[in-house]
C-alpha atoms as a PDB file:
ATOM      1  CA  MET A   1      -4.440  33.457  32.307  1.00  0.00           C
ATOM      2  CA  GLN A   2      -2.651  34.362  35.540  1.00  0.00           C
ATOM      3  CA  GLN A   3      -4.814  31.932  37.572  1.00  0.00           C
ATOM      4  CA  THR A   4      -4.165  29.071  35.160  1.00  0.00           C
ATOM      5  CA  LYS A   5      -0.439  29.627  35.385  1.00  0.00           C
ATOM      6  CA  LEU A   6      -0.689  29.824  39.173  1.00  0.00           C
ATOM      7  CA  ILE A   7      -2.530  26.478  39.302  1.00  0.00           C
ATOM      8  CA  LYS A   8       0.108  24.834  37.126  1.00  0.00           C
ATOM      9  CA  ASP A   9       2.849  26.192  39.356  1.00  0.00           C
ATOM     10  CA  GLU A  10       1.218  24.675  42.465  1.00  0.00           C
ATOM     11  CA  ARG A  11       1.505  21.095  41.166  1.00  0.00           C
ATOM     12  CA  SER A  12       4.575  19.176  42.214  1.00  0.00           C
ATOM     13  CA  LEU A  13       7.266  18.231  39.764  1.00  0.00           C
ATOM     14  CA  GLY A  14       6.378  14.563  40.312  1.00  0.00           C
ATOM     15  CA  ASP A  15       2.734  15.256  39.399  1.00  0.00           C
ATOM     16  CA  LEU A  16       3.801  17.077  36.251  1.00  0.00           C
ATOM     17  CA  PHE A  17       6.089  14.224  35.147  1.00  0.00           C
ATOM     18  CA  SER A  18       3.414  11.679  35.983  1.00  0.00           C
ATOM     19  CA  GLU A  19       0.895  13.583  33.861  1.00  0.00           C
ATOM     20  CA  LEU A  20       3.425  13.958  31.041  1.00  0.00           C
ATOM     21  CA  ALA A  21       4.201  10.229  31.131  1.00  0.00           C
ATOM     22  CA  SER A  22       0.503   9.376  31.046  1.00  0.00           C
ATOM     23  CA  GLU A  23      -0.209  11.740  28.155  1.00  0.00           C
ATOM     24  CA  THR A  24       2.858  10.521  26.271  1.00  0.00           C
ATOM     25  CA  SER A  25       1.782   6.906  26.735  1.00  0.00           C
ATOM     26  CA  THR A  26      -1.711   7.700  25.452  1.00  0.00           C
ATOM     27  CA  LEU A  27      -0.237   9.599  22.535  1.00  0.00           C
ATOM     28  CA  VAL A  28       2.054   6.721  21.560  1.00  0.00           C
ATOM     29  CA  ARG A  29      -0.852   4.250  21.674  1.00  0.00           C
ATOM     30  CA  GLN A  30      -2.912   6.555  19.465  1.00  0.00           C
ATOM     31  CA  GLU A  31      -0.045   6.937  16.987  1.00  0.00           C
ATOM     32  CA  VAL A  32       0.417   3.166  16.797  1.00  0.00           C
ATOM     33  CA  ALA A  33      -3.318   2.743  16.174  1.00  0.00           C
ATOM     34  CA  LEU A  34      -3.209   5.395  13.434  1.00  0.00           C
ATOM     35  CA  ALA A  35      -0.221   3.739  11.780  1.00  0.00           C
ATOM     36  CA  GLN A  36      -1.986   0.388  11.925  1.00  0.00           C
ATOM     37  CA  VAL A  37      -5.127   1.760  10.244  1.00  0.00           C
ATOM     38  CA  GLU A  38      -3.115   3.572   7.597  1.00  0.00           C
ATOM     39  CA  LEU A  39      -0.941   0.566   6.777  1.00  0.00           C
ATOM     40  CA  THR A  40      -3.984  -1.714   6.656  1.00  0.00           C
ATOM     41  CA  LYS A  41      -5.603   0.530   4.035  1.00  0.00           C
ATOM     42  CA  LYS A  42      -2.423   0.618   1.964  1.00  0.00           C
ATOM     43  CA  ALA A  43      -1.980  -3.154   2.265  1.00  0.00           C
ATOM     44  CA  ALA A  44      -5.506  -3.668   0.905  1.00  0.00           C
ATOM     45  CA  VAL A  45      -4.698  -1.572  -2.179  1.00  0.00           C
ATOM     46  CA  VAL A  46      -1.390  -3.356  -2.728  1.00  0.00           C
ATOM     47  CA  GLY A  47      -3.060  -6.750  -2.220  1.00  0.00           C
ATOM     48  CA  LYS A  48      -5.688  -5.982  -4.842  1.00  0.00           C
ATOM     49  CA  ASN A  49      -3.056  -4.952  -7.380  1.00  0.00           C
ATOM     50  CA  VAL A  50      -0.899  -7.968  -6.615  1.00  0.00           C
ATOM     51  CA  GLY A  51      -4.012 -10.041  -7.349  1.00  0.00           C
ATOM     52  CA  PHE A  52      -4.340  -8.304 -10.709  1.00  0.00           C
ATOM     53  CA  LEU A  53      -0.662  -9.053 -11.368  1.00  0.00           C
ATOM     54  CA  ALA A  54      -1.256 -12.722 -10.611  1.00  0.00           C
ATOM     55  CA  VAL A  55      -4.305 -12.843 -12.896  1.00  0.00           C
ATOM     56  CA  GLY A  56      -2.386 -10.958 -15.588  1.00  0.00           C
ATOM     57  CA  GLY A  57       0.463 -13.436 -15.243  1.00  0.00           C
ATOM     58  CA  ALA A  58      -1.908 -16.376 -15.577  1.00  0.00           C
ATOM     59  CA  VAL A  59      -3.522 -14.851 -18.669  1.00  0.00           C
ATOM     60  CA  GLY A  60      -0.061 -14.189 -20.096  1.00  0.00           C
ATOM     61  CA  TYR A  61       0.858 -17.792 -19.491  1.00  0.00           C
ATOM     62  CA  ALA A  62      -2.321 -18.878 -21.297  1.00  0.00           C
ATOM     63  CA  ALA A  63      -1.277 -16.635 -24.195  1.00  0.00           C
ATOM     64  CA  PHE A  64       2.119 -18.268 -24.290  1.00  0.00           C
ATOM     65  CA  LEU A  65       0.553 -21.728 -24.367  1.00  0.00           C
ATOM     66  CA  THR A  66      -1.883 -20.682 -27.079  1.00  0.00           C
ATOM     67  CA  ILE A  67       0.911 -19.272 -29.235  1.00  0.00           C
ATOM     68  CA  LEU A  68       2.835 -22.479 -28.725  1.00  0.00           C
ATOM     69  CA  ALA A  69      -0.260 -24.418 -29.801  1.00  0.00           C
ATOM     70  CA  ALA A  70      -0.451 -22.221 -32.902  1.00  0.00           C
ATOM     71  CA  VAL A  71       3.169 -22.947 -33.737  1.00  0.00           C
ATOM     72  CA  ILE A  72       2.601 -26.655 -33.230  1.00  0.00           C
ATOM     73  CA  VAL A  73      -0.483 -26.601 -35.433  1.00  0.00           C
ATOM     74  CA  LEU A  74       1.402 -24.597 -38.055  1.00  0.00           C
ATOM     75  CA  LEU A  75       4.275 -27.000 -38.126  1.00  0.00           C
ATOM     76  CA  SER A  76       2.120 -30.129 -37.932  1.00  0.00           C
ATOM     77  CA  TYR A  77      -0.477 -29.438 -40.535  1.00  0.00           C
ATOM     78  CA  LEU A  78       0.559 -26.342 -42.454  1.00  0.00           C
ATOM     79  CA  ILE A  79      -3.103 -25.486 -42.935  1.00  0.00           C
ATOM     80  CA  PRO A  80      -5.121 -22.364 -41.994  1.00  0.00           C
ATOM     81  CA  LEU A  81      -6.018 -23.821 -38.591  1.00  0.00           C
ATOM     82  CA  TRP A  82      -2.854 -22.226 -37.245  1.00  0.00           C
ATOM     83  CA  ALA A  83      -4.130 -18.761 -38.100  1.00  0.00           C
ATOM     84  CA  ALA A  84      -7.093 -19.113 -35.764  1.00  0.00           C
ATOM     85  CA  ALA A  85      -4.887 -20.311 -32.911  1.00  0.00           C
ATOM     86  CA  LEU A  86      -2.436 -17.470 -33.532  1.00  0.00           C
ATOM     87  CA  VAL A  87      -5.190 -14.828 -33.456  1.00  0.00           C
ATOM     88  CA  VAL A  88      -6.484 -16.241 -30.165  1.00  0.00           C
ATOM     89  CA  GLY A  89      -2.967 -16.219 -28.728  1.00  0.00           C
ATOM     90  CA  ILE A  90      -2.414 -12.601 -29.739  1.00  0.00           C
ATOM     91  CA  VAL A  91      -5.727 -11.502 -28.225  1.00  0.00           C
ATOM     92  CA  VAL A  92      -4.936 -13.302 -24.962  1.00  0.00           C
ATOM     93  CA  GLY A  93      -1.429 -11.812 -24.964  1.00  0.00           C
ATOM     94  CA  VAL A  94      -2.745  -8.273 -25.471  1.00  0.00           C
ATOM     95  CA  THR A  95      -5.225  -8.799 -22.632  1.00  0.00           C
ATOM     96  CA  ALA A  96      -2.434  -9.975 -20.348  1.00  0.00           C
ATOM     97  CA  TYR A  97      -0.327  -6.971 -21.286  1.00  0.00           C
ATOM     98  CA  PHE A  98      -3.078  -4.518 -20.350  1.00  0.00           C
ATOM     99  CA  LEU A  99      -3.852  -6.295 -17.060  1.00  0.00           C
ATOM    100  CA  ILE A 100      -0.218  -6.383 -15.990  1.00  0.00           C
ATOM    101  CA  SER A 101       0.625  -2.839 -17.089  1.00  0.00           C
ATOM    102  CA  SER A 102      -2.427  -1.319 -15.359  1.00  0.00           C
ATOM    103  CA  ALA A 103      -1.661  -3.192 -12.123  1.00  0.00           C
ATOM    104  CA  LEU A 104       1.989  -2.081 -12.244  1.00  0.00           C
ATOM    105  CA  ASP A 105       0.938   1.530 -12.834  1.00  0.00           C
ATOM    106  CA  GLU A 106      -1.352   1.395  -9.802  1.00  0.00           C
ATOM    107  CA  LEU A 107       1.368  -0.165  -7.658  1.00  0.00           C
ATOM    108  CA  LYS A 108       3.799   2.580  -8.680  1.00  0.00           C
ATOM    109  CA  LYS A 109       1.261   5.194  -7.528  1.00  0.00           C
ATOM    110  CA  THR A 110       0.811   3.571  -4.121  1.00  0.00           C
ATOM    111  CA  GLU A 111       2.881   5.194  -1.417  1.00  0.00           C
ATOM    112  CA  LEU A 112       3.656   2.662   1.304  1.00  0.00           C
ATOM    113  CA  ALA A 113       5.015   5.052   3.909  1.00  0.00           C
ATOM    114  CA  PRO A 114       2.428   6.017   6.561  1.00  0.00           C
ATOM    115  CA  ARG A 115       2.637   9.759   5.814  1.00  0.00           C
ATOM    116  CA  GLU A 116      -0.198  10.792   8.152  1.00  0.00           C
ATOM    117  CA  THR A 117       1.430   9.000  11.057  1.00  0.00           C
ATOM    118  CA  VAL A 118       4.835  10.532  10.323  1.00  0.00           C
ATOM    119  CA  GLU A 119       3.334  14.019  10.255  1.00  0.00           C
ATOM    120  CA  SER A 120       1.381  13.363  13.430  1.00  0.00           C
ATOM    121  CA  ILE A 121       4.491  12.101  15.210  1.00  0.00           C
ATOM    122  CA  LYS A 122       6.372  15.241  14.161  1.00  0.00           C
ATOM    123  CA  GLU A 123       3.550  17.365  15.596  1.00  0.00           C
ATOM    124  CA  ASP A 124       3.594  15.318  18.791  1.00  0.00           C
ATOM    125  CA  ALA A 125       7.349  15.739  19.145  1.00  0.00           C
ATOM    126  CA  GLN A 126       6.955  19.485  18.754  1.00  0.00           C
ATOM    127  CA  TRP A 127       4.154  19.481  21.345  1.00  0.00           C
ATOM    128  CA  LEU A 128       6.377  17.573  23.783  1.00  0.00           C
ATOM    129  CA  LYS A 129       9.205  20.059  23.217  1.00  0.00           C
ATOM    130  CA  ASP A 130       6.783  22.900  23.886  1.00  0.00           C
ATOM    131  CA  GLN A 131       5.598  21.220  27.109  1.00  0.00           C
ATOM    132  CA  MET A 132       9.144  20.838  28.379  1.00  0.00           C
ATOM    133  CA  THR A 133       9.904  24.553  27.983  1.00  0.00           C
END
């Protein structure tokens, strides 16, 4: 332990700052890379759920059109044909509801902040403080 401390003491202040700058630069690049990987993973999850929202919206729109068709048939003919169109519209509407609600639930669970990177940066800041003392 004494020899290690002695070796550190023999380096010039310029060498120590140069080494600190180099290590800090490497550390920052690594943190940026970590943040990029973490955000890419989260963006993939969000993208998938946004896709489900879009599909759910399209299915909901189809339900709306089908219900409108049922109303038109009901008003035009006043025969049991409207009942079939109404049942189809309700089924499509229920499907849209479940698609949209499940996608929204998943989106609510997704945390967008890069927590691992934040924690790592805090550790790095503490390490830098320790190196300066």
